[in-house]
Amino acid sequence: MMDRRRFVSTLACGLAATPSHAEAQSNAKMYRVGFLLGATGESVASLFHALQDRLRELGYIEGRNVVFVQRYADGRMERLPDLAAELVRQWT
């Protein structure tokens, strides 16, 4: 099982590789990070907050230069394809 630090580091590295254009008037890059999990949001809340805290330490501030979009299947794995399609539609 992956420990919390490795999980956060892996996601942070993935974040840096997925730039997008900000929709606001700012010229700064806006990064989008999508979370698609079969679990409930409550069950992974501590990991999500750890990721946010670490990214904040690295200068990524939600709403300023990073946006998090979360989708959870709440244990119903058959929902994952629809949730994935929803994330893709939102960003295209």
PDB file of N, CA and C in Angstrom:
ATOM      1  N   MET A   1       0.846  -1.187   0.000  1.00  0.00           N
ATOM      2  CA  MET A   1       0.000   0.000   0.000  1.00  0.00           C
ATOM      3  C   MET A   1       0.888   1.245   0.000  1.00  0.00           C
ATOM      4  N   MET A   2       0.522   2.216  -0.782  1.00  0.00           N
ATOM      5  CA  MET A   2       1.320   3.424  -0.926  1.00  0.00           C
ATOM      6  C   MET A   2       1.151   4.321   0.301  1.00  0.00           C
ATOM      7  N   ASP A   3       2.260   4.828   0.847  1.00  0.00           N
ATOM      8  CA  ASP A   3       2.140   5.700   1.998  1.00  0.00           C
ATOM      9  C   ASP A   3       1.742   7.107   1.558  1.00  0.00           C
ATOM     10  N   ARG A   4       1.322   7.907   2.516  1.00  0.00           N
ATOM     11  CA  ARG A   4       0.772   9.241   2.240  1.00  0.00           C
ATOM     12  C   ARG A   4       1.775  10.139   1.521  1.00  0.00           C
ATOM     13  N   ARG A   5       3.025  10.161   1.955  1.00  0.00           N
ATOM     14  CA  ARG A   5       4.021  11.046   1.323  1.00  0.00           C
ATOM     15  C   ARG A   5       4.248  10.687  -0.136  1.00  0.00           C
ATOM     16  N   ARG A   6       4.336   9.398  -0.404  1.00  0.00           N
ATOM     17  CA  ARG A   6       4.539   8.968  -1.790  1.00  0.00           C
ATOM     18  C   ARG A   6       3.325   9.340  -2.639  1.00  0.00           C
ATOM     19  N   PHE A   7       2.129   9.149  -2.087  1.00  0.00           N
ATOM     20  CA  PHE A   7       0.893   9.499  -2.783  1.00  0.00           C
ATOM     21  C   PHE A   7       0.864  10.987  -3.126  1.00  0.00           C
ATOM     22  N   VAL A   8       1.132  11.827  -2.122  1.00  0.00           N
ATOM     23  CA  VAL A   8       1.109  13.280  -2.324  1.00  0.00           C
ATOM     24  C   VAL A   8       2.184  13.697  -3.314  1.00  0.00           C
ATOM     25  N   SER A   9       3.377  13.144  -3.194  1.00  0.00           N
ATOM     26  CA  SER A   9       4.461  13.496  -4.115  1.00  0.00           C
ATOM     27  C   SER A   9       4.126  13.102  -5.546  1.00  0.00           C
ATOM     28  N   THR A  10       3.542  11.922  -5.708  1.00  0.00           N
ATOM     29  CA  THR A  10       3.175  11.463  -7.042  1.00  0.00           C
ATOM     30  C   THR A  10       2.131  12.381  -7.667  1.00  0.00           C
ATOM     31  N   LEU A  11       1.118  12.740  -6.894  1.00  0.00           N
ATOM     32  CA  LEU A  11       0.088  13.630  -7.422  1.00  0.00           C
ATOM     33  C   LEU A  11       0.637  15.020  -7.716  1.00  0.00           C
ATOM     34  N   ALA A  12       1.530  15.499  -6.863  1.00  0.00           N
ATOM     35  CA  ALA A  12       2.123  16.818  -7.085  1.00  0.00           C
ATOM     36  C   ALA A  12       2.937  16.838  -8.379  1.00  0.00           C
ATOM     37  N   CYS A  13       3.657  15.757  -8.644  1.00  0.00           N
ATOM     38  CA  CYS A  13       4.423  15.682  -9.888  1.00  0.00           C
ATOM     39  C   CYS A  13       3.484  15.643 -11.090  1.00  0.00           C
ATOM     40  N   GLY A  14       2.400  14.914 -10.967  1.00  0.00           N
ATOM     41  CA  GLY A  14       1.418  14.858 -12.049  1.00  0.00           C
ATOM     42  C   GLY A  14       0.785  16.209 -12.297  1.00  0.00           C
ATOM     43  N   LEU A  15       0.599  16.971 -11.246  1.00  0.00           N
ATOM     44  CA  LEU A  15       0.023  18.307 -11.365  1.00  0.00           C
ATOM     45  C   LEU A  15       0.888  19.193 -12.252  1.00  0.00           C
ATOM     46  N   ALA A  16       2.179  19.138 -12.051  1.00  0.00           N
ATOM     47  CA  ALA A  16       3.088  19.985 -12.812  1.00  0.00           C
ATOM     48  C   ALA A  16       3.089  19.638 -14.298  1.00  0.00           C
ATOM     49  N   ALA A  17       2.640  18.461 -14.629  1.00  0.00           N
ATOM     50  CA  ALA A  17       2.671  18.021 -16.026  1.00  0.00           C
ATOM     51  C   ALA A  17       1.381  18.304 -16.778  1.00  0.00           C
ATOM     52  N   THR A  18       0.384  18.935 -16.137  1.00  0.00           N
ATOM     53  CA  THR A  18      -0.907  19.135 -16.793  1.00  0.00           C
ATOM     54  C   THR A  18      -1.358  20.591 -16.755  1.00  0.00           C
ATOM     55  N   PRO A  19      -0.680  21.476 -17.476  1.00  0.00           N
ATOM     56  CA  PRO A  19      -1.092  22.873 -17.457  1.00  0.00           C
ATOM     57  C   PRO A  19      -2.350  23.111 -18.286  1.00  0.00           C
ATOM     58  N   SER A  20      -3.068  24.152 -17.924  1.00  0.00           N
ATOM     59  CA  SER A  20      -4.223  24.589 -18.710  1.00  0.00           C
ATOM     60  C   SER A  20      -4.238  26.108 -18.675  1.00  0.00           C
ATOM     61  N   HIS A  21      -5.133  26.693 -19.438  1.00  0.00           N
ATOM     62  CA  HIS A  21      -5.207  28.143 -19.495  1.00  0.00           C
ATOM     63  C   HIS A  21      -6.216  28.650 -18.483  1.00  0.00           C
ATOM     64  N   ALA A  22      -5.861  29.708 -17.807  1.00  0.00           N
ATOM     65  CA  ALA A  22      -6.773  30.296 -16.837  1.00  0.00           C
ATOM     66  C   ALA A  22      -7.906  31.003 -17.563  1.00  0.00           C
ATOM     67  N   GLU A  23      -9.087  30.917 -17.019  1.00  0.00           N
ATOM     68  CA  GLU A  23     -10.223  31.580 -17.621  1.00  0.00           C
ATOM     69  C   GLU A  23     -10.391  32.994 -17.089  1.00  0.00           C
ATOM     70  N   ALA A  24      -9.693  33.325 -16.029  1.00  0.00           N
ATOM     71  CA  ALA A  24      -9.749  34.664 -15.480  1.00  0.00           C
ATOM     72  C   ALA A  24      -8.850  35.585 -16.298  1.00  0.00           C
ATOM     73  N   GLN A  25      -8.776  36.836 -15.895  1.00  0.00           N
ATOM     74  CA  GLN A  25      -7.980  37.801 -16.639  1.00  0.00           C
ATOM     75  C   GLN A  25      -6.488  37.642 -16.387  1.00  0.00           C
ATOM     76  N   SER A  26      -6.127  36.849 -15.426  1.00  0.00           N
ATOM     77  CA  SER A  26      -4.724  36.655 -15.078  1.00  0.00           C
ATOM     78  C   SER A  26      -3.973  35.946 -16.199  1.00  0.00           C
ATOM     79  N   ASN A  27      -2.697  36.277 -16.349  1.00  0.00           N
ATOM     80  CA  ASN A  27      -1.856  35.614 -17.335  1.00  0.00           C
ATOM     81  C   ASN A  27      -1.158  34.393 -16.752  1.00  0.00           C
ATOM     82  N   ALA A  28      -1.328  34.154 -15.450  1.00  0.00           N
ATOM     83  CA  ALA A  28      -0.690  33.011 -14.802  1.00  0.00           C
ATOM     84  C   ALA A  28      -1.349  31.715 -15.269  1.00  0.00           C
ATOM     85  N   LYS A  29      -0.552  30.658 -15.301  1.00  0.00           N
ATOM     86  CA  LYS A  29      -1.100  29.354 -15.672  1.00  0.00           C
ATOM     87  C   LYS A  29      -2.011  28.853 -14.566  1.00  0.00           C
ATOM     88  N   MET A  30      -3.092  28.226 -14.976  1.00  0.00           N
ATOM     89  CA  MET A  30      -3.991  27.582 -14.031  1.00  0.00           C
ATOM     90  C   MET A  30      -3.881  26.085 -14.267  1.00  0.00           C
ATOM     91  N   TYR A  31      -3.567  25.338 -13.229  1.00  0.00           N
ATOM     92  CA  TYR A  31      -3.457  23.892 -13.315  1.00  0.00           C
ATOM     93  C   TYR A  31      -4.744  23.269 -12.793  1.00  0.00           C
ATOM     94  N   ARG A  32      -5.186  22.226 -13.465  1.00  0.00           N
ATOM     95  CA  ARG A  32      -6.394  21.518 -13.045  1.00  0.00           C
ATOM     96  C   ARG A  32      -6.018  20.108 -12.626  1.00  0.00           C
ATOM     97  N   VAL A  33      -6.525  19.714 -11.474  1.00  0.00           N
ATOM     98  CA  VAL A  33      -6.272  18.378 -10.960  1.00  0.00           C
ATOM     99  C   VAL A  33      -7.619  17.716 -10.736  1.00  0.00           C
ATOM    100  N   GLY A  34      -7.829  16.589 -11.405  1.00  0.00           N
ATOM    101  CA  GLY A  34      -9.074  15.851 -11.250  1.00  0.00           C
ATOM    102  C   GLY A  34      -8.867  14.632 -10.379  1.00  0.00           C
ATOM    103  N   PHE A  35      -9.803  14.402  -9.477  1.00  0.00           N
ATOM    104  CA  PHE A  35      -9.792  13.225  -8.620  1.00  0.00           C
ATOM    105  C   PHE A  35     -10.977  12.363  -8.998  1.00  0.00           C
ATOM    106  N   LEU A  36     -10.699  11.150  -9.381  1.00  0.00           N
ATOM    107  CA  LEU A  36     -11.732  10.190  -9.744  1.00  0.00           C
ATOM    108  C   LEU A  36     -11.460   8.922  -8.944  1.00  0.00           C
ATOM    109  N   LEU A  37     -12.277   8.693  -7.940  1.00  0.00           N
ATOM    110  CA  LEU A  37     -12.033   7.569  -7.039  1.00  0.00           C
ATOM    111  C   LEU A  37     -13.308   6.774  -6.813  1.00  0.00           C
ATOM    112  N   GLY A  38     -13.143   5.501  -6.583  1.00  0.00           N
ATOM    113  CA  GLY A  38     -14.278   4.651  -6.284  1.00  0.00           C
ATOM    114  C   GLY A  38     -14.748   4.792  -4.848  1.00  0.00           C
ATOM    115  N   ALA A  39     -13.922   5.377  -4.009  1.00  0.00           N
ATOM    116  CA  ALA A  39     -14.237   5.540  -2.590  1.00  0.00           C
ATOM    117  C   ALA A  39     -15.165   6.727  -2.361  1.00  0.00           C
ATOM    118  N   THR A  40     -15.480   6.971  -1.099  1.00  0.00           N
ATOM    119  CA  THR A  40     -16.255   8.160  -0.743  1.00  0.00           C
ATOM    120  C   THR A  40     -15.293   9.312  -0.481  1.00  0.00           C
ATOM    121  N   GLY A  41     -15.778  10.515  -0.617  1.00  0.00           N
ATOM    122  CA  GLY A  41     -14.963  11.684  -0.337  1.00  0.00           C
ATOM    123  C   GLY A  41     -14.487  11.725   1.105  1.00  0.00           C
ATOM    124  N   GLU A  42     -15.359  11.285   2.017  1.00  0.00           N
ATOM    125  CA  GLU A  42     -14.998  11.289   3.434  1.00  0.00           C
ATOM    126  C   GLU A  42     -13.853  10.329   3.728  1.00  0.00           C
ATOM    127  N   SER A  43     -13.809   9.205   3.020  1.00  0.00           N
ATOM    128  CA  SER A  43     -12.789   8.200   3.302  1.00  0.00           C
ATOM    129  C   SER A  43     -11.388   8.626   2.853  1.00  0.00           C
ATOM    130  N   VAL A  44     -11.305   9.560   1.933  1.00  0.00           N
ATOM    131  CA  VAL A  44      -9.994  10.019   1.449  1.00  0.00           C
ATOM    132  C   VAL A  44      -9.748  11.491   1.761  1.00  0.00           C
ATOM    133  N   ALA A  45     -10.591  12.080   2.589  1.00  0.00           N
ATOM    134  CA  ALA A  45     -10.468  13.511   2.905  1.00  0.00           C
ATOM    135  C   ALA A  45      -9.101  13.856   3.475  1.00  0.00           C
ATOM    136  N   SER A  46      -8.559  13.016   4.351  1.00  0.00           N
ATOM    137  CA  SER A  46      -7.262  13.340   4.951  1.00  0.00           C
ATOM    138  C   SER A  46      -6.154  13.343   3.896  1.00  0.00           C
ATOM    139  N   LEU A  47      -6.218  12.439   2.923  1.00  0.00           N
ATOM    140  CA  LEU A  47      -5.217  12.433   1.847  1.00  0.00           C
ATOM    141  C   LEU A  47      -5.355  13.669   0.969  1.00  0.00           C
ATOM    142  N   PHE A  48      -6.593  14.038   0.659  1.00  0.00           N
ATOM    143  CA  PHE A  48      -6.827  15.225  -0.166  1.00  0.00           C
ATOM    144  C   PHE A  48      -6.312  16.475   0.541  1.00  0.00           C
ATOM    145  N   HIS A  49      -6.571  16.593   1.844  1.00  0.00           N
ATOM    146  CA  HIS A  49      -6.094  17.759   2.589  1.00  0.00           C
ATOM    147  C   HIS A  49      -4.575  17.771   2.690  1.00  0.00           C
ATOM    148  N   ALA A  50      -3.962  16.602   2.814  1.00  0.00           N
ATOM    149  CA  ALA A  50      -2.499  16.526   2.844  1.00  0.00           C
ATOM    150  C   ALA A  50      -1.921  17.002   1.505  1.00  0.00           C
ATOM    151  N   LEU A  51      -2.557  16.600   0.413  1.00  0.00           N
ATOM    152  CA  LEU A  51      -2.117  17.055  -0.909  1.00  0.00           C
ATOM    153  C   LEU A  51      -2.251  18.567  -1.023  1.00  0.00           C
ATOM    154  N   GLN A  52      -3.400  19.104  -0.630  1.00  0.00           N
ATOM    155  CA  GLN A  52      -3.596  20.557  -0.692  1.00  0.00           C
ATOM    156  C   GLN A  52      -2.552  21.291   0.148  1.00  0.00           C
ATOM    157  N   ASP A  53      -2.292  20.799   1.350  1.00  0.00           N
ATOM    158  CA  ASP A  53      -1.310  21.445   2.224  1.00  0.00           C
ATOM    159  C   ASP A  53       0.070  21.456   1.589  1.00  0.00           C
ATOM    160  N   ARG A  54       0.481  20.327   1.028  1.00  0.00           N
ATOM    161  CA  ARG A  54       1.812  20.246   0.415  1.00  0.00           C
ATOM    162  C   ARG A  54       1.902  21.131  -0.816  1.00  0.00           C
ATOM    163  N   LEU A  55       0.873  21.139  -1.638  1.00  0.00           N
ATOM    164  CA  LEU A  55       0.896  21.998  -2.823  1.00  0.00           C
ATOM    165  C   LEU A  55       0.912  23.470  -2.430  1.00  0.00           C
ATOM    166  N   ARG A  56       0.212  23.820  -1.360  1.00  0.00           N
ATOM    167  CA  ARG A  56       0.229  25.197  -0.866  1.00  0.00           C
ATOM    168  C   ARG A  56       1.653  25.586  -0.462  1.00  0.00           C
ATOM    169  N   GLU A  57       2.363  24.654   0.196  1.00  0.00           N
ATOM    170  CA  GLU A  57       3.754  24.905   0.572  1.00  0.00           C
ATOM    171  C   GLU A  57       4.626  25.132  -0.658  1.00  0.00           C
ATOM    172  N   LEU A  58       4.263  24.516  -1.768  1.00  0.00           N
ATOM    173  CA  LEU A  58       5.025  24.657  -3.018  1.00  0.00           C
ATOM    174  C   LEU A  58       4.566  25.855  -3.850  1.00  0.00           C
ATOM    175  N   GLY A  59       3.566  26.597  -3.353  1.00  0.00           N
ATOM    176  CA  GLY A  59       3.116  27.795  -4.038  1.00  0.00           C
ATOM    177  C   GLY A  59       1.861  27.632  -4.878  1.00  0.00           C
ATOM    178  N   TYR A  60       1.226  26.471  -4.823  1.00  0.00           N
ATOM    179  CA  TYR A  60      -0.009  26.249  -5.570  1.00  0.00           C
ATOM    180  C   TYR A  60      -1.194  26.553  -4.655  1.00  0.00           C
ATOM    181  N   ILE A  61      -1.945  27.596  -4.997  1.00  0.00           N
ATOM    182  CA  ILE A  61      -3.056  28.044  -4.170  1.00  0.00           C
ATOM    183  C   ILE A  61      -4.354  27.799  -4.938  1.00  0.00           C
ATOM    184  N   GLU A  62      -5.261  27.051  -4.313  1.00  0.00           N
ATOM    185  CA  GLU A  62      -6.535  26.733  -4.972  1.00  0.00           C
ATOM    186  C   GLU A  62      -7.289  28.012  -5.304  1.00  0.00           C
ATOM    187  N   GLY A  63      -7.730  28.098  -6.547  1.00  0.00           N
ATOM    188  CA  GLY A  63      -8.441  29.273  -7.017  1.00  0.00           C
ATOM    189  C   GLY A  63      -7.528  30.314  -7.656  1.00  0.00           C
ATOM    190  N   ARG A  64      -6.253  30.298  -7.305  1.00  0.00           N
ATOM    191  CA  ARG A  64      -5.309  31.246  -7.896  1.00  0.00           C
ATOM    192  C   ARG A  64      -4.527  30.610  -9.043  1.00  0.00           C
ATOM    193  N   ASN A  65      -3.939  29.431  -8.799  1.00  0.00           N
ATOM    194  CA  ASN A  65      -3.161  28.787  -9.852  1.00  0.00           C
ATOM    195  C   ASN A  65      -3.410  27.283  -9.943  1.00  0.00           C
ATOM    196  N   VAL A  66      -4.359  26.797  -9.177  1.00  0.00           N
ATOM    197  CA  VAL A  66      -4.740  25.389  -9.268  1.00  0.00           C
ATOM    198  C   VAL A  66      -6.226  25.245  -8.930  1.00  0.00           C
ATOM    199  N   VAL A  67      -6.871  24.328  -9.619  1.00  0.00           N
ATOM    200  CA  VAL A  67      -8.275  24.014  -9.384  1.00  0.00           C
ATOM    201  C   VAL A  67      -8.382  22.510  -9.171  1.00  0.00           C
ATOM    202  N   PHE A  68      -9.095  22.111  -8.135  1.00  0.00           N
ATOM    203  CA  PHE A  68      -9.329  20.699  -7.858  1.00  0.00           C
ATOM    204  C   PHE A  68     -10.772  20.363  -8.207  1.00  0.00           C
ATOM    205  N   VAL A  69     -10.949  19.294  -8.948  1.00  0.00           N
ATOM    206  CA  VAL A  69     -12.278  18.802  -9.272  1.00  0.00           C
ATOM    207  C   VAL A  69     -12.348  17.369  -8.772  1.00  0.00           C
ATOM    208  N   GLN A  70     -13.323  17.098  -7.935  1.00  0.00           N
ATOM    209  CA  GLN A  70     -13.412  15.793  -7.292  1.00  0.00           C
ATOM    210  C   GLN A  70     -14.673  15.059  -7.714  1.00  0.00           C
ATOM    211  N   ARG A  71     -14.517  13.801  -8.047  1.00  0.00           N
ATOM    212  CA  ARG A  71     -15.654  12.938  -8.364  1.00  0.00           C
ATOM    213  C   ARG A  71     -15.433  11.614  -7.650  1.00  0.00           C
ATOM    214  N   TYR A  72     -16.426  11.175  -6.917  1.00  0.00           N
ATOM    215  CA  TYR A  72     -16.333   9.942  -6.145  1.00  0.00           C
ATOM    216  C   TYR A  72     -17.501   9.028  -6.488  1.00  0.00           C
ATOM    217  N   ALA A  73     -17.217   7.753  -6.619  1.00  0.00           N
ATOM    218  CA  ALA A  73     -18.250   6.774  -6.961  1.00  0.00           C
ATOM    219  C   ALA A  73     -18.941   6.225  -5.711  1.00  0.00           C
ATOM    220  N   ASP A  74     -18.490   6.599  -4.535  1.00  0.00           N
ATOM    221  CA  ASP A  74     -19.100   6.160  -3.279  1.00  0.00           C
ATOM    222  C   ASP A  74     -19.240   4.647  -3.194  1.00  0.00           C
ATOM    223  N   GLY A  75     -18.218   3.936  -3.633  1.00  0.00           N
ATOM    224  CA  GLY A  75     -18.206   2.489  -3.553  1.00  0.00           C
ATOM    225  C   GLY A  75     -18.926   1.787  -4.692  1.00  0.00           C
ATOM    226  N   ARG A  76     -19.509   2.540  -5.601  1.00  0.00           N
ATOM    227  CA  ARG A  76     -20.231   1.949  -6.737  1.00  0.00           C
ATOM    228  C   ARG A  76     -19.360   2.086  -7.983  1.00  0.00           C
ATOM    229  N   MET A  77     -18.507   1.104  -8.178  1.00  0.00           N
ATOM    230  CA  MET A  77     -17.508   1.155  -9.247  1.00  0.00           C
ATOM    231  C   MET A  77     -18.126   1.294 -10.639  1.00  0.00           C
ATOM    232  N   GLU A  78     -19.332   0.849 -10.830  1.00  0.00           N
ATOM    233  CA  GLU A  78     -19.977   0.969 -12.144  1.00  0.00           C
ATOM    234  C   GLU A  78     -20.219   2.429 -12.525  1.00  0.00           C
ATOM    235  N   ARG A  79     -20.136   3.341 -11.572  1.00  0.00           N
ATOM    236  CA  ARG A  79     -20.311   4.776 -11.849  1.00  0.00           C
ATOM    237  C   ARG A  79     -19.057   5.426 -12.413  1.00  0.00           C
ATOM    238  N   LEU A  80     -17.888   4.780 -12.263  1.00  0.00           N
ATOM    239  CA  LEU A  80     -16.626   5.405 -12.670  1.00  0.00           C
ATOM    240  C   LEU A  80     -16.585   5.847 -14.131  1.00  0.00           C
ATOM    241  N   PRO A  81     -17.055   5.050 -15.101  1.00  0.00           N
ATOM    242  CA  PRO A  81     -16.998   5.524 -16.491  1.00  0.00           C
ATOM    243  C   PRO A  81     -17.794   6.810 -16.721  1.00  0.00           C
ATOM    244  N   ASP A  82     -18.961   6.917 -16.118  1.00  0.00           N
ATOM    245  CA  ASP A  82     -19.758   8.135 -16.276  1.00  0.00           C
ATOM    246  C   ASP A  82     -19.093   9.335 -15.607  1.00  0.00           C
ATOM    247  N   LEU A  83     -18.513   9.106 -14.436  1.00  0.00           N
ATOM    248  CA  LEU A  83     -17.818  10.194 -13.750  1.00  0.00           C
ATOM    249  C   LEU A  83     -16.584  10.646 -14.531  1.00  0.00           C
ATOM    250  N   ALA A  84     -15.873   9.706 -15.136  1.00  0.00           N
ATOM    251  CA  ALA A  84     -14.706  10.049 -15.955  1.00  0.00           C
ATOM    252  C   ALA A  84     -15.143  10.872 -17.168  1.00  0.00           C
ATOM    253  N   ALA A  85     -16.220  10.460 -17.807  1.00  0.00           N
ATOM    254  CA  ALA A  85     -16.731  11.207 -18.966  1.00  0.00           C
ATOM    255  C   ALA A  85     -17.138  12.615 -18.555  1.00  0.00           C
ATOM    256  N   GLU A  86     -17.714  12.752 -17.376  1.00  0.00           N
ATOM    257  CA  GLU A  86     -18.107  14.069 -16.872  1.00  0.00           C
ATOM    258  C   GLU A  86     -16.891  14.973 -16.683  1.00  0.00           C
ATOM    259  N   LEU A  87     -15.815  14.427 -16.132  1.00  0.00           N
ATOM    260  CA  LEU A  87     -14.590  15.213 -15.968  1.00  0.00           C
ATOM    261  C   LEU A  87     -14.037  15.663 -17.317  1.00  0.00           C
ATOM    262  N   VAL A  88     -14.036  14.759 -18.283  1.00  0.00           N
ATOM    263  CA  VAL A  88     -13.501  15.090 -19.614  1.00  0.00           C
ATOM    264  C   VAL A  88     -14.360  16.178 -20.259  1.00  0.00           C
ATOM    265  N   ARG A  89     -15.666  16.052 -20.178  1.00  0.00           N
ATOM    266  CA  ARG A  89     -16.559  17.068 -20.770  1.00  0.00           C
ATOM    267  C   ARG A  89     -16.344  18.425 -20.123  1.00  0.00           C
ATOM    268  N   GLN A  90     -16.119  18.432 -18.844  1.00  0.00           N
ATOM    269  CA  GLN A  90     -15.927  19.697 -18.130  1.00  0.00           C
ATOM    270  C   GLN A  90     -14.673  20.430 -18.605  1.00  0.00           C
ATOM    271  N   TRP A  91     -13.657  19.688 -19.039  1.00  0.00           N
ATOM    272  CA  TRP A  91     -12.382  20.308 -19.397  1.00  0.00           C
ATOM    273  C   TRP A  91     -12.140  20.418 -20.891  1.00  0.00           C
ATOM    274  N   THR A  92     -13.113  20.079 -21.698  1.00  0.00           N
ATOM    275  CA  THR A  92     -12.891  20.207 -23.149  1.00  0.00           C
ATOM    276  C   THR A  92     -13.767  21.285 -23.717  1.00  0.00           C
TER     277      THR A  92
END
